[in-house]
């Protein structure tokens, strides 16, 4: 704030400083999550659903969307074996492209069903 104040004085302008604590929490809409889970169960099977017992503490830009409208954030598994199970931002991450088509189909089905709800 002090640096901004000095710069503002130097350049005869006004500088407003606003500190943010990072991304807000992702707030999944319960109704949308029910729709997503049911679509996964109908489209794939029970083994395709993994529920997390504890909230994730990772920051996610998607959270900004859920402040404006109802949202449902899901994670899609993309590894083909435990040996390829690396976090998304890990240098060893390697997407198994065989999961792209089923994921696109799933997302399309979720959108269709959401549209049918009105």
PDB file of N, CA and C in Angstrom:
ATOM      1  N   UNK A   1       0.827  -1.188   0.000  1.00  0.00           N
ATOM      2  CA  UNK A   1       0.000   0.000   0.000  1.00  0.00           C
ATOM      3  C   UNK A   1       0.874   1.255   0.000  1.00  0.00           C
ATOM      4  N   UNK A   2       1.970   1.202   0.747  1.00  0.00           N
ATOM      5  CA  UNK A   2       2.861   2.355   0.798  1.00  0.00           C
ATOM      6  C   UNK A   2       3.500   2.603  -0.559  1.00  0.00           C
ATOM      7  N   UNK A   3       3.956   1.533  -1.223  1.00  0.00           N
ATOM      8  CA  UNK A   3       4.560   1.671  -2.551  1.00  0.00           C
ATOM      9  C   UNK A   3       3.546   2.246  -3.535  1.00  0.00           C
ATOM     10  N   UNK A   4       2.317   1.738  -3.480  1.00  0.00           N
ATOM     11  CA  UNK A   4       1.266   2.242  -4.376  1.00  0.00           C
ATOM     12  C   UNK A   4       0.996   3.721  -4.111  1.00  0.00           C
ATOM     13  N   UNK A   5       0.997   4.095  -2.851  1.00  0.00           N
ATOM     14  CA  UNK A   5       0.774   5.498  -2.499  1.00  0.00           C
ATOM     15  C   UNK A   5       1.886   6.392  -3.052  1.00  0.00           C
ATOM     16  N   UNK A   6       3.125   5.936  -2.927  1.00  0.00           N
ATOM     17  CA  UNK A   6       4.251   6.712  -3.464  1.00  0.00           C
ATOM     18  C   UNK A   6       4.174   6.827  -4.987  1.00  0.00           C
ATOM     19  N   UNK A   7       3.830   5.729  -5.644  1.00  0.00           N
ATOM     20  CA  UNK A   7       3.705   5.763  -7.107  1.00  0.00           C
ATOM     21  C   UNK A   7       2.577   6.705  -7.537  1.00  0.00           C
ATOM     22  N   UNK A   8       1.482   6.670  -6.797  1.00  0.00           N
ATOM     23  CA  UNK A   8       0.356   7.550  -7.122  1.00  0.00           C
ATOM     24  C   UNK A   8       0.769   9.013  -6.986  1.00  0.00           C
ATOM     25  N   UNK A   9       1.481   9.324  -5.923  1.00  0.00           N
ATOM     26  CA  UNK A   9       1.952  10.700  -5.734  1.00  0.00           C
ATOM     27  C   UNK A   9       2.931  11.104  -6.833  1.00  0.00           C
ATOM     28  N   UNK A  10       3.810  10.196  -7.182  1.00  0.00           N
ATOM     29  CA  UNK A  10       4.822  10.471  -8.205  1.00  0.00           C
ATOM     30  C   UNK A  10       4.186  10.761  -9.564  1.00  0.00           C
ATOM     31  N   UNK A  11       3.117  10.036  -9.879  1.00  0.00           N
ATOM     32  CA  UNK A  11       2.491  10.151 -11.208  1.00  0.00           C
ATOM     33  C   UNK A  11       1.173  10.917 -11.186  1.00  0.00           C
ATOM     34  N   UNK A  12       0.879  11.541 -10.067  1.00  0.00           N
ATOM     35  CA  UNK A  12      -0.324  12.358  -9.925  1.00  0.00           C
ATOM     36  C   UNK A  12      -1.580  11.589 -10.354  1.00  0.00           C
ATOM     37  N   UNK A  13      -1.743  10.428  -9.732  1.00  0.00           N
ATOM     38  CA  UNK A  13      -2.918   9.603 -10.043  1.00  0.00           C
ATOM     39  C   UNK A  13      -3.386   8.927  -8.760  1.00  0.00           C
ATOM     40  N   UNK A  14      -4.422   8.125  -8.887  1.00  0.00           N
ATOM     41  CA  UNK A  14      -4.961   7.392  -7.743  1.00  0.00           C
ATOM     42  C   UNK A  14      -4.766   5.909  -7.978  1.00  0.00           C
ATOM     43  N   UNK A  15      -4.277   5.205  -6.987  1.00  0.00           N
ATOM     44  CA  UNK A  15      -4.107   3.751  -7.065  1.00  0.00           C
ATOM     45  C   UNK A  15      -4.855   3.136  -5.899  1.00  0.00           C
ATOM     46  N   UNK A  16      -5.752   2.212  -6.206  1.00  0.00           N
ATOM     47  CA  UNK A  16      -6.477   1.469  -5.175  1.00  0.00           C
ATOM     48  C   UNK A  16      -5.862   0.095  -5.041  1.00  0.00           C
ATOM     49  N   UNK A  17      -5.577  -0.308  -3.843  1.00  0.00           N
ATOM     50  CA  UNK A  17      -4.974  -1.611  -3.575  1.00  0.00           C
ATOM     51  C   UNK A  17      -6.012  -2.491  -2.890  1.00  0.00           C
ATOM     52  N   UNK A  18      -6.181  -3.692  -3.416  1.00  0.00           N
ATOM     53  CA  UNK A  18      -7.131  -4.639  -2.843  1.00  0.00           C
ATOM     54  C   UNK A  18      -6.439  -5.987  -2.749  1.00  0.00           C
ATOM     55  N   UNK A  19      -6.304  -6.521  -1.559  1.00  0.00           N
ATOM     56  CA  UNK A  19      -5.656  -7.814  -1.358  1.00  0.00           C
ATOM     57  C   UNK A  19      -6.714  -8.904  -1.316  1.00  0.00           C
ATOM     58  N   UNK A  20      -6.481  -9.956  -2.063  1.00  0.00           N
ATOM     59  CA  UNK A  20      -7.380 -11.110  -2.074  1.00  0.00           C
ATOM     60  C   UNK A  20      -6.665 -12.286  -1.427  1.00  0.00           C
ATOM     61  N   UNK A  21      -7.434 -13.139  -0.796  1.00  0.00           N
ATOM     62  CA  UNK A  21      -6.846 -14.315  -0.158  1.00  0.00           C
ATOM     63  C   UNK A  21      -6.783 -15.509  -1.097  1.00  0.00           C
ATOM     64  N   UNK A  22      -6.885 -15.303  -2.383  1.00  0.00           N
ATOM     65  CA  UNK A  22      -6.843 -16.405  -3.334  1.00  0.00           C
ATOM     66  C   UNK A  22      -8.229 -16.769  -3.811  1.00  0.00           C
ATOM     67  N   UNK A  23      -8.340 -17.932  -4.372  1.00  0.00           N
ATOM     68  CA  UNK A  23      -9.623 -18.388  -4.900  1.00  0.00           C
ATOM     69  C   UNK A  23     -10.608 -18.652  -3.767  1.00  0.00           C
ATOM     70  N   UNK A  24     -11.876 -18.347  -4.003  1.00  0.00           N
ATOM     71  CA  UNK A  24     -12.891 -18.695  -3.005  1.00  0.00           C
ATOM     72  C   UNK A  24     -13.105 -20.213  -3.021  1.00  0.00           C
ATOM     73  N   UNK A  25     -13.834 -20.738  -2.061  1.00  0.00           N
ATOM     74  CA  UNK A  25     -14.088 -22.180  -2.067  1.00  0.00           C
ATOM     75  C   UNK A  25     -15.041 -22.562  -3.197  1.00  0.00           C
ATOM     76  N   UNK A  26     -14.871 -23.758  -3.728  1.00  0.00           N
ATOM     77  CA  UNK A  26     -15.809 -24.289  -4.717  1.00  0.00           C
ATOM     78  C   UNK A  26     -17.044 -24.756  -3.948  1.00  0.00           C
ATOM     79  N   UNK A  27     -18.184 -24.212  -4.296  1.00  0.00           N
ATOM     80  CA  UNK A  27     -19.435 -24.587  -3.657  1.00  0.00           C
ATOM     81  C   UNK A  27     -20.306 -25.303  -4.679  1.00  0.00           C
ATOM     82  N   UNK A  28     -20.271 -26.626  -4.624  1.00  0.00           N
ATOM     83  CA  UNK A  28     -21.068 -27.416  -5.552  1.00  0.00           C
ATOM     84  C   UNK A  28     -22.542 -27.321  -5.193  1.00  0.00           C
ATOM     85  N   UNK A  29     -23.370 -27.129  -6.197  1.00  0.00           N
ATOM     86  CA  UNK A  29     -24.810 -27.109  -6.028  1.00  0.00           C
ATOM     87  C   UNK A  29     -25.291 -28.545  -5.805  1.00  0.00           C
ATOM     88  N   UNK A  30     -26.006 -28.783  -4.726  1.00  0.00           N
ATOM     89  CA  UNK A  30     -26.433 -30.146  -4.373  1.00  0.00           C
ATOM     90  C   UNK A  30     -27.293 -30.774  -5.472  1.00  0.00           C
ATOM     91  N   UNK A  31     -28.206 -30.007  -6.039  1.00  0.00           N
ATOM     92  CA  UNK A  31     -29.066 -30.543  -7.098  1.00  0.00           C
ATOM     93  C   UNK A  31     -28.275 -30.930  -8.334  1.00  0.00           C
ATOM     94  N   UNK A  32     -27.316 -30.093  -8.725  1.00  0.00           N
ATOM     95  CA  UNK A  32     -26.484 -30.423  -9.884  1.00  0.00           C
ATOM     96  C   UNK A  32     -25.589 -31.622  -9.604  1.00  0.00           C
ATOM     97  N   UNK A  33     -25.087 -31.713  -8.384  1.00  0.00           N
ATOM     98  CA  UNK A  33     -24.243 -32.864  -8.049  1.00  0.00           C
ATOM     99  C   UNK A  33     -25.045 -34.167  -8.096  1.00  0.00           C
ATOM    100  N   UNK A  34     -26.306 -34.100  -7.678  1.00  0.00           N
ATOM    101  CA  UNK A  34     -27.174 -35.277  -7.778  1.00  0.00           C
ATOM    102  C   UNK A  34     -27.370 -35.659  -9.242  1.00  0.00           C
ATOM    103  N   UNK A  35     -27.615 -34.662 -10.084  1.00  0.00           N
ATOM    104  CA  UNK A  35     -27.774 -34.905 -11.522  1.00  0.00           C
ATOM    105  C   UNK A  35     -26.502 -35.521 -12.110  1.00  0.00           C
ATOM    106  N   UNK A  36     -25.353 -34.966 -11.762  1.00  0.00           N
ATOM    107  CA  UNK A  36     -24.071 -35.463 -12.279  1.00  0.00           C
ATOM    108  C   UNK A  36     -23.851 -36.898 -11.823  1.00  0.00           C
ATOM    109  N   UNK A  37     -24.048 -37.151 -10.542  1.00  0.00           N
ATOM    110  CA  UNK A  37     -23.821 -38.509 -10.024  1.00  0.00           C
ATOM    111  C   UNK A  37     -24.757 -39.515 -10.689  1.00  0.00           C
ATOM    112  N   UNK A  38     -26.030 -39.159 -10.830  1.00  0.00           N
ATOM    113  CA  UNK A  38     -26.975 -40.082 -11.464  1.00  0.00           C
ATOM    114  C   UNK A  38     -26.611 -40.320 -12.922  1.00  0.00           C
ATOM    115  N   UNK A  39     -26.158 -39.280 -13.606  1.00  0.00           N
ATOM    116  CA  UNK A  39     -25.742 -39.435 -15.002  1.00  0.00           C
ATOM    117  C   UNK A  39     -24.534 -40.357 -15.104  1.00  0.00           C
ATOM    118  N   UNK A  40     -23.590 -40.216 -14.199  1.00  0.00           N
ATOM    119  CA  UNK A  40     -22.420 -41.111 -14.189  1.00  0.00           C
ATOM    120  C   UNK A  40     -22.874 -42.545 -13.957  1.00  0.00           C
ATOM    121  N   UNK A  41     -23.764 -42.742 -12.993  1.00  0.00           N
ATOM    122  CA  UNK A  41     -24.248 -44.099 -12.699  1.00  0.00           C
ATOM    123  C   UNK A  41     -24.995 -44.691 -13.892  1.00  0.00           C
ATOM    124  N   UNK A  42     -25.805 -43.879 -14.561  1.00  0.00           N
ATOM    125  CA  UNK A  42     -26.568 -44.360 -15.713  1.00  0.00           C
ATOM    126  C   UNK A  42     -25.682 -44.591 -16.935  1.00  0.00           C
ATOM    127  N   UNK A  43     -24.688 -43.717 -17.120  1.00  0.00           N
ATOM    128  CA  UNK A  43     -23.850 -43.760 -18.321  1.00  0.00           C
ATOM    129  C   UNK A  43     -22.691 -44.742 -18.171  1.00  0.00           C
ATOM    130  N   UNK A  44     -22.116 -44.781 -17.003  1.00  0.00           N
ATOM    131  CA  UNK A  44     -20.961 -45.648 -16.751  1.00  0.00           C
ATOM    132  C   UNK A  44     -21.388 -46.730 -15.761  1.00  0.00           C
ATOM    133  N   UNK A  45     -20.924 -46.673 -14.537  1.00  0.00           N
ATOM    134  CA  UNK A  45     -21.387 -47.589 -13.498  1.00  0.00           C
ATOM    135  C   UNK A  45     -20.922 -47.098 -12.136  1.00  0.00           C
ATOM    136  N   UNK A  46     -21.286 -47.838 -11.097  1.00  0.00           N
ATOM    137  CA  UNK A  46     -20.963 -47.457  -9.717  1.00  0.00           C
ATOM    138  C   UNK A  46     -19.462 -47.312  -9.497  1.00  0.00           C
ATOM    139  N   UNK A  47     -18.653 -48.107 -10.180  1.00  0.00           N
ATOM    140  CA  UNK A  47     -17.194 -48.028 -10.014  1.00  0.00           C
ATOM    141  C   UNK A  47     -16.630 -46.702 -10.527  1.00  0.00           C
ATOM    142  N   UNK A  48     -17.400 -45.995 -11.334  1.00  0.00           N
ATOM    143  CA  UNK A  48     -16.934 -44.730 -11.904  1.00  0.00           C
ATOM    144  C   UNK A  48     -17.090 -43.564 -10.931  1.00  0.00           C
ATOM    145  N   UNK A  49     -17.780 -43.791  -9.810  1.00  0.00           N
ATOM    146  CA  UNK A  49     -17.998 -42.727  -8.833  1.00  0.00           C
ATOM    147  C   UNK A  49     -17.075 -42.936  -7.642  1.00  0.00           C
ATOM    148  N   UNK A  50     -16.300 -41.920  -7.344  1.00  0.00           N
ATOM    149  CA  UNK A  50     -15.460 -41.946  -6.142  1.00  0.00           C
ATOM    150  C   UNK A  50     -15.818 -40.704  -5.337  1.00  0.00           C
ATOM    151  N   UNK A  51     -16.290 -40.925  -4.149  1.00  0.00           N
ATOM    152  CA  UNK A  51     -16.673 -39.812  -3.278  1.00  0.00           C
ATOM    153  C   UNK A  51     -15.510 -39.480  -2.349  1.00  0.00           C
ATOM    154  N   UNK A  52     -15.280 -38.200  -2.144  1.00  0.00           N
ATOM    155  CA  UNK A  52     -14.230 -37.748  -1.244  1.00  0.00           C
ATOM    156  C   UNK A  52     -14.850 -37.479   0.124  1.00  0.00           C
ATOM    157  N   UNK A  53     -14.290 -38.076   1.157  1.00  0.00           N
ATOM    158  CA  UNK A  53     -14.817 -37.881   2.504  1.00  0.00           C
ATOM    159  C   UNK A  53     -14.506 -36.494   3.057  1.00  0.00           C
ATOM    160  N   UNK A  54     -13.356 -35.957   2.662  1.00  0.00           N
ATOM    161  CA  UNK A  54     -12.932 -34.655   3.159  1.00  0.00           C
ATOM    162  C   UNK A  54     -12.844 -33.660   2.015  1.00  0.00           C
ATOM    163  N   UNK A  55     -13.122 -32.401   2.288  1.00  0.00           N
ATOM    164  CA  UNK A  55     -12.983 -31.390   1.234  1.00  0.00           C
ATOM    165  C   UNK A  55     -11.538 -31.266   0.782  1.00  0.00           C
ATOM    166  N   UNK A  56     -11.360 -30.920  -0.468  1.00  0.00           N
ATOM    167  CA  UNK A  56     -10.029 -30.670  -1.003  1.00  0.00           C
ATOM    168  C   UNK A  56      -9.624 -29.247  -0.640  1.00  0.00           C
ATOM    169  N   UNK A  57      -8.369 -29.054  -0.303  1.00  0.00           N
ATOM    170  CA  UNK A  57      -7.896 -27.717   0.041  1.00  0.00           C
ATOM    171  C   UNK A  57      -7.204 -27.056  -1.145  1.00  0.00           C
ATOM    172  N   UNK A  58      -7.209 -27.702  -2.296  1.00  0.00           N
ATOM    173  CA  UNK A  58      -6.593 -27.124  -3.480  1.00  0.00           C
ATOM    174  C   UNK A  58      -7.386 -25.939  -4.003  1.00  0.00           C
ATOM    175  N   UNK A  59      -6.706 -24.930  -4.478  1.00  0.00           N
ATOM    176  CA  UNK A  59      -7.379 -23.773  -5.055  1.00  0.00           C
ATOM    177  C   UNK A  59      -7.840 -24.112  -6.469  1.00  0.00           C
ATOM    178  N   UNK A  60      -8.966 -23.555  -6.842  1.00  0.00           N
ATOM    179  CA  UNK A  60      -9.512 -23.849  -8.167  1.00  0.00           C
ATOM    180  C   UNK A  60     -10.252 -22.630  -8.689  1.00  0.00           C
ATOM    181  N   UNK A  61      -9.870 -22.168  -9.879  1.00  0.00           N
ATOM    182  CA  UNK A  61     -10.520 -21.008 -10.483  1.00  0.00           C
ATOM    183  C   UNK A  61     -12.005 -21.223 -10.737  1.00  0.00           C
ATOM    184  N   UNK A  62     -12.405 -22.475 -10.896  1.00  0.00           N
ATOM    185  CA  UNK A  62     -13.813 -22.793 -11.118  1.00  0.00           C
ATOM    186  C   UNK A  62     -14.685 -22.203 -10.009  1.00  0.00           C
ATOM    187  N   UNK A  63     -14.113 -22.018  -8.831  1.00  0.00           N
ATOM    188  CA  UNK A  63     -14.862 -21.469  -7.697  1.00  0.00           C
ATOM    189  C   UNK A  63     -15.479 -20.114  -8.023  1.00  0.00           C
ATOM    190  N   UNK A  64     -14.817 -19.349  -8.865  1.00  0.00           N
ATOM    191  CA  UNK A  64     -15.354 -18.041  -9.236  1.00  0.00           C
ATOM    192  C   UNK A  64     -16.672 -18.184  -9.998  1.00  0.00           C
ATOM    193  N   UNK A  65     -16.800 -19.227 -10.792  1.00  0.00           N
ATOM    194  CA  UNK A  65     -18.060 -19.460 -11.506  1.00  0.00           C
ATOM    195  C   UNK A  65     -19.188 -19.762 -10.520  1.00  0.00           C
ATOM    196  N   UNK A  66     -18.867 -20.558  -9.487  1.00  0.00           N
ATOM    197  CA  UNK A  66     -19.920 -20.960  -8.553  1.00  0.00           C
ATOM    198  C   UNK A  66     -20.382 -19.805  -7.674  1.00  0.00           C
ATOM    199  N   UNK A  67     -19.695 -18.686  -7.715  1.00  0.00           N
ATOM    200  CA  UNK A  67     -20.183 -17.502  -7.016  1.00  0.00           C
ATOM    201  C   UNK A  67     -21.222 -16.764  -7.860  1.00  0.00           C
ATOM    202  N   UNK A  68     -21.234 -17.036  -9.167  1.00  0.00           N
ATOM    203  CA  UNK A  68     -22.150 -16.356 -10.087  1.00  0.00           C
ATOM    204  C   UNK A  68     -23.359 -17.214 -10.457  1.00  0.00           C
ATOM    205  N   UNK A  69     -23.166 -18.534 -10.470  1.00  0.00           N
ATOM    206  CA  UNK A  69     -24.240 -19.431 -10.883  1.00  0.00           C
ATOM    207  C   UNK A  69     -24.014 -20.801 -10.250  1.00  0.00           C
ATOM    208  N   UNK A  70     -25.038 -21.614 -10.255  1.00  0.00           N
ATOM    209  CA  UNK A  70     -24.910 -22.962  -9.696  1.00  0.00           C
ATOM    210  C   UNK A  70     -23.897 -23.752 -10.511  1.00  0.00           C
ATOM    211  N   UNK A  71     -23.074 -24.508  -9.827  1.00  0.00           N
ATOM    212  CA  UNK A  71     -22.051 -25.289 -10.509  1.00  0.00           C
ATOM    213  C   UNK A  71     -21.841 -26.640  -9.854  1.00  0.00           C
ATOM    214  N   UNK A  72     -21.175 -27.509 -10.578  1.00  0.00           N
ATOM    215  CA  UNK A  72     -20.836 -28.835 -10.070  1.00  0.00           C
ATOM    216  C   UNK A  72     -19.450 -29.186 -10.591  1.00  0.00           C
ATOM    217  N   UNK A  73     -18.478 -29.185  -9.715  1.00  0.00           N
ATOM    218  CA  UNK A  73     -17.093 -29.469 -10.090  1.00  0.00           C
ATOM    219  C   UNK A  73     -16.820 -30.944  -9.849  1.00  0.00           C
ATOM    220  N   UNK A  74     -16.393 -31.623 -10.897  1.00  0.00           N
ATOM    221  CA  UNK A  74     -16.049 -33.036 -10.751  1.00  0.00           C
ATOM    222  C   UNK A  74     -14.632 -33.246 -11.265  1.00  0.00           C
ATOM    223  N   UNK A  75     -14.040 -34.302 -10.809  1.00  0.00           N
ATOM    224  CA  UNK A  75     -12.717 -34.690 -11.286  1.00  0.00           C
ATOM    225  C   UNK A  75     -12.880 -35.937 -12.136  1.00  0.00           C
ATOM    226  N   UNK A  76     -12.109 -35.988 -13.196  1.00  0.00           N
ATOM    227  CA  UNK A  76     -12.175 -37.120 -14.105  1.00  0.00           C
ATOM    228  C   UNK A  76     -10.850 -37.861 -14.056  1.00  0.00           C
ATOM    229  N   UNK A  77     -10.907 -39.132 -13.729  1.00  0.00           N
ATOM    230  CA  UNK A  77      -9.685 -39.937 -13.686  1.00  0.00           C
ATOM    231  C   UNK A  77      -9.104 -40.112 -15.081  1.00  0.00           C
ATOM    232  N   UNK A  78      -7.799 -39.976 -15.194  1.00  0.00           N
ATOM    233  CA  UNK A  78      -7.168 -40.032 -16.513  1.00  0.00           C
ATOM    234  C   UNK A  78      -5.932 -40.933 -16.537  1.00  0.00           C
ATOM    235  N   UNK A  79      -5.751 -41.767 -15.521  1.00  0.00           N
ATOM    236  CA  UNK A  79      -4.568 -42.639 -15.547  1.00  0.00           C
ATOM    237  C   UNK A  79      -4.999 -44.056 -15.899  1.00  0.00           C
ATOM    238  N   UNK A  80      -4.097 -44.796 -16.483  1.00  0.00           N
ATOM    239  CA  UNK A  80      -4.418 -46.158 -16.906  1.00  0.00           C
ATOM    240  C   UNK A  80      -3.931 -47.209 -15.915  1.00  0.00           C
ATOM    241  N   UNK A  81      -3.112 -46.796 -14.955  1.00  0.00           N
ATOM    242  CA  UNK A  81      -2.599 -47.741 -13.956  1.00  0.00           C
ATOM    243  C   UNK A  81      -2.059 -46.959 -12.765  1.00  0.00           C
ATOM    244  N   UNK A  82      -1.829 -47.625 -11.644  1.00  0.00           N
ATOM    245  CA  UNK A  82      -1.244 -46.921 -10.492  1.00  0.00           C
ATOM    246  C   UNK A  82       0.113 -46.285 -10.811  1.00  0.00           C
ATOM    247  N   UNK A  83       0.838 -46.860 -11.740  1.00  0.00           N
ATOM    248  CA  UNK A  83       2.147 -46.318 -12.117  1.00  0.00           C
ATOM    249  C   UNK A  83       2.033 -44.989 -12.853  1.00  0.00           C
ATOM    250  N   UNK A  84       0.897 -44.725 -13.460  1.00  0.00           N
ATOM    251  CA  UNK A  84       0.716 -43.466 -14.194  1.00  0.00           C
ATOM    252  C   UNK A  84      -0.151 -42.472 -13.424  1.00  0.00           C
ATOM    253  N   UNK A  85      -0.451 -42.786 -12.181  1.00  0.00           N
ATOM    254  CA  UNK A  85      -1.315 -41.926 -11.364  1.00  0.00           C
ATOM    255  C   UNK A  85      -0.510 -40.789 -10.750  1.00  0.00           C
ATOM    256  N   UNK A  86      -0.330 -39.720 -11.514  1.00  0.00           N
ATOM    257  CA  UNK A  86       0.395 -38.545 -11.048  1.00  0.00           C
ATOM    258  C   UNK A  86      -0.559 -37.362 -10.979  1.00  0.00           C
ATOM    259  N   UNK A  87      -0.333 -36.445 -10.050  1.00  0.00           N
ATOM    260  CA  UNK A  87      -1.186 -35.253  -9.977  1.00  0.00           C
ATOM    261  C   UNK A  87      -1.145 -34.451 -11.282  1.00  0.00           C
ATOM    262  N   UNK A  88      -2.171 -33.679 -11.525  1.00  0.00           N
ATOM    263  CA  UNK A  88      -2.320 -32.929 -12.772  1.00  0.00           C
ATOM    264  C   UNK A  88      -1.116 -32.038 -13.070  1.00  0.00           C
ATOM    265  N   UNK A  89      -0.576 -31.358 -12.094  1.00  0.00           N
ATOM    266  CA  UNK A  89       0.513 -30.415 -12.341  1.00  0.00           C
ATOM    267  C   UNK A  89       1.896 -31.036 -12.151  1.00  0.00           C
ATOM    268  N   UNK A  90       1.958 -32.346 -12.031  1.00  0.00           N
ATOM    269  CA  UNK A  90       3.223 -33.053 -11.862  1.00  0.00           C
ATOM    270  C   UNK A  90       3.915 -33.193 -13.220  1.00  0.00           C
ATOM    271  N   UNK A  91       5.233 -33.118 -13.225  1.00  0.00           N
ATOM    272  CA  UNK A  91       5.999 -33.241 -14.471  1.00  0.00           C
ATOM    273  C   UNK A  91       5.795 -34.608 -15.120  1.00  0.00           C
ATOM    274  N   UNK A  92       5.412 -35.606 -14.347  1.00  0.00           N
ATOM    275  CA  UNK A  92       5.203 -36.964 -14.874  1.00  0.00           C
ATOM    276  C   UNK A  92       3.765 -37.224 -15.321  1.00  0.00           C
ATOM    277  N   UNK A  93       2.890 -36.238 -15.170  1.00  0.00           N
ATOM    278  CA  UNK A  93       1.493 -36.421 -15.565  1.00  0.00           C
ATOM    279  C   UNK A  93       1.416 -36.772 -17.040  1.00  0.00           C
ATOM    280  N   UNK A  94       0.639 -37.794 -17.362  1.00  0.00           N
ATOM    281  CA  UNK A  94       0.475 -38.236 -18.744  1.00  0.00           C
ATOM    282  C   UNK A  94      -0.970 -38.674 -18.931  1.00  0.00           C
ATOM    283  N   UNK A  95      -1.717 -37.891 -19.643  1.00  0.00           N
ATOM    284  CA  UNK A  95      -3.132 -38.170 -19.887  1.00  0.00           C
ATOM    285  C   UNK A  95      -3.293 -39.403 -20.759  1.00  0.00           C
ATOM    286  N   UNK A  96      -4.077 -40.336 -20.293  1.00  0.00           N
ATOM    287  CA  UNK A  96      -4.427 -41.489 -21.122  1.00  0.00           C
ATOM    288  C   UNK A  96      -5.588 -41.047 -22.010  1.00  0.00           C
ATOM    289  N   UNK A  97      -5.299 -40.844 -23.279  1.00  0.00           N
ATOM    290  CA  UNK A  97      -6.280 -40.262 -24.203  1.00  0.00           C
ATOM    291  C   UNK A  97      -7.497 -41.146 -24.437  1.00  0.00           C
ATOM    292  N   UNK A  98      -7.444 -42.389 -24.024  1.00  0.00           N
ATOM    293  CA  UNK A  98      -8.620 -43.257 -24.157  1.00  0.00           C
ATOM    294  C   UNK A  98      -9.788 -42.768 -23.306  1.00  0.00           C
ATOM    295  N   UNK A  99      -9.500 -41.906 -22.318  1.00  0.00           N
ATOM    296  CA  UNK A  99     -10.550 -41.397 -21.444  1.00  0.00           C
ATOM    297  C   UNK A  99     -11.238 -40.149 -22.000  1.00  0.00           C
ATOM    298  N   UNK A 100     -10.706 -39.577 -23.052  1.00  0.00           N
ATOM    299  CA  UNK A 100     -11.274 -38.338 -23.599  1.00  0.00           C
ATOM    300  C   UNK A 100     -12.674 -38.531 -24.183  1.00  0.00           C
ATOM    301  N   UNK A 101     -12.861 -39.539 -25.015  1.00  0.00           N
ATOM    302  CA  UNK A 101     -14.170 -39.750 -25.652  1.00  0.00           C
ATOM    303  C   UNK A 101     -15.256 -40.074 -24.621  1.00  0.00           C
ATOM    304  N   UNK A 102     -15.017 -41.014 -23.689  1.00  0.00           N
ATOM    305  CA  UNK A 102     -16.063 -41.269 -22.686  1.00  0.00           C
ATOM    306  C   UNK A 102     -16.363 -40.047 -21.816  1.00  0.00           C
ATOM    307  N   UNK A 103     -15.354 -39.240 -21.541  1.00  0.00           N
ATOM    308  CA  UNK A 103     -15.569 -38.034 -20.739  1.00  0.00           C
ATOM    309  C   UNK A 103     -16.405 -37.027 -21.518  1.00  0.00           C
ATOM    310  N   UNK A 104     -16.111 -36.846 -22.801  1.00  0.00           N
ATOM    311  CA  UNK A 104     -16.899 -35.938 -23.631  1.00  0.00           C
ATOM    312  C   UNK A 104     -18.350 -36.420 -23.714  1.00  0.00           C
ATOM    313  N   UNK A 105     -18.542 -37.717 -23.843  1.00  0.00           N
ATOM    314  CA  UNK A 105     -19.892 -38.282 -23.883  1.00  0.00           C
ATOM    315  C   UNK A 105     -20.621 -38.027 -22.560  1.00  0.00           C
ATOM    316  N   UNK A 106     -19.917 -38.232 -21.460  1.00  0.00           N
ATOM    317  CA  UNK A 106     -20.513 -37.991 -20.147  1.00  0.00           C
ATOM    318  C   UNK A 106     -20.904 -36.530 -19.979  1.00  0.00           C
ATOM    319  N   UNK A 107     -20.008 -35.626 -20.319  1.00  0.00           N
ATOM    320  CA  UNK A 107     -20.305 -34.197 -20.177  1.00  0.00           C
ATOM    321  C   UNK A 107     -21.477 -33.790 -21.059  1.00  0.00           C
ATOM    322  N   UNK A 108     -21.539 -34.334 -22.258  1.00  0.00           N
ATOM    323  CA  UNK A 108     -22.663 -34.044 -23.161  1.00  0.00           C
ATOM    324  C   UNK A 108     -23.975 -34.527 -22.557  1.00  0.00           C
ATOM    325  N   UNK A 109     -23.960 -35.713 -21.999  1.00  0.00           N
ATOM    326  CA  UNK A 109     -25.172 -36.269 -21.389  1.00  0.00           C
ATOM    327  C   UNK A 109     -25.607 -35.438 -20.182  1.00  0.00           C
ATOM    328  N   UNK A 110     -24.651 -34.985 -19.395  1.00  0.00           N
ATOM    329  CA  UNK A 110     -24.990 -34.125 -18.244  1.00  0.00           C
ATOM    330  C   UNK A 110     -25.664 -32.841 -18.745  1.00  0.00           C
ATOM    331  N   UNK A 111     -25.109 -32.235 -19.782  1.00  0.00           N
ATOM    332  CA  UNK A 111     -25.690 -31.005 -20.333  1.00  0.00           C
ATOM    333  C   UNK A 111     -27.089 -31.234 -20.900  1.00  0.00           C
ATOM    334  N   UNK A 112     -27.272 -32.338 -21.589  1.00  0.00           N
ATOM    335  CA  UNK A 112     -28.592 -32.667 -22.149  1.00  0.00           C
ATOM    336  C   UNK A 112     -29.609 -32.812 -21.029  1.00  0.00           C
ATOM    337  N   UNK A 113     -29.244 -33.575 -20.007  1.00  0.00           N
ATOM    338  CA  UNK A 113     -30.175 -33.788 -18.887  1.00  0.00           C
ATOM    339  C   UNK A 113     -30.461 -32.479 -18.153  1.00  0.00           C
ATOM    340  N   UNK A 114     -29.467 -31.656 -17.985  1.00  0.00           N
ATOM    341  CA  UNK A 114     -29.653 -30.362 -17.319  1.00  0.00           C
ATOM    342  C   UNK A 114     -30.612 -29.499 -18.154  1.00  0.00           C
ATOM    343  N   UNK A 115     -30.438 -29.523 -19.464  1.00  0.00           N
ATOM    344  CA  UNK A 115     -31.324 -28.771 -20.339  1.00  0.00           C
ATOM    345  C   UNK A 115     -32.751 -29.257 -20.283  1.00  0.00           C
ATOM    346  N   UNK A 116     -32.945 -30.553 -20.080  1.00  0.00           N
ATOM    347  CA  UNK A 116     -34.287 -31.122 -19.987  1.00  0.00           C
ATOM    348  C   UNK A 116     -34.980 -30.754 -18.692  1.00  0.00           C
ATOM    349  N   UNK A 117     -34.189 -30.352 -17.693  1.00  0.00           N
ATOM    350  CA  UNK A 117     -34.789 -29.947 -16.409  1.00  0.00           C
ATOM    351  C   UNK A 117     -35.445 -28.579 -16.496  1.00  0.00           C
ATOM    352  N   UNK A 118     -35.038 -27.805 -17.493  1.00  0.00           N
ATOM    353  CA  UNK A 118     -35.645 -26.498 -17.691  1.00  0.00           C
ATOM    354  C   UNK A 118     -35.020 -25.365 -16.993  1.00  0.00           C
TER     355      UNK A 118
END
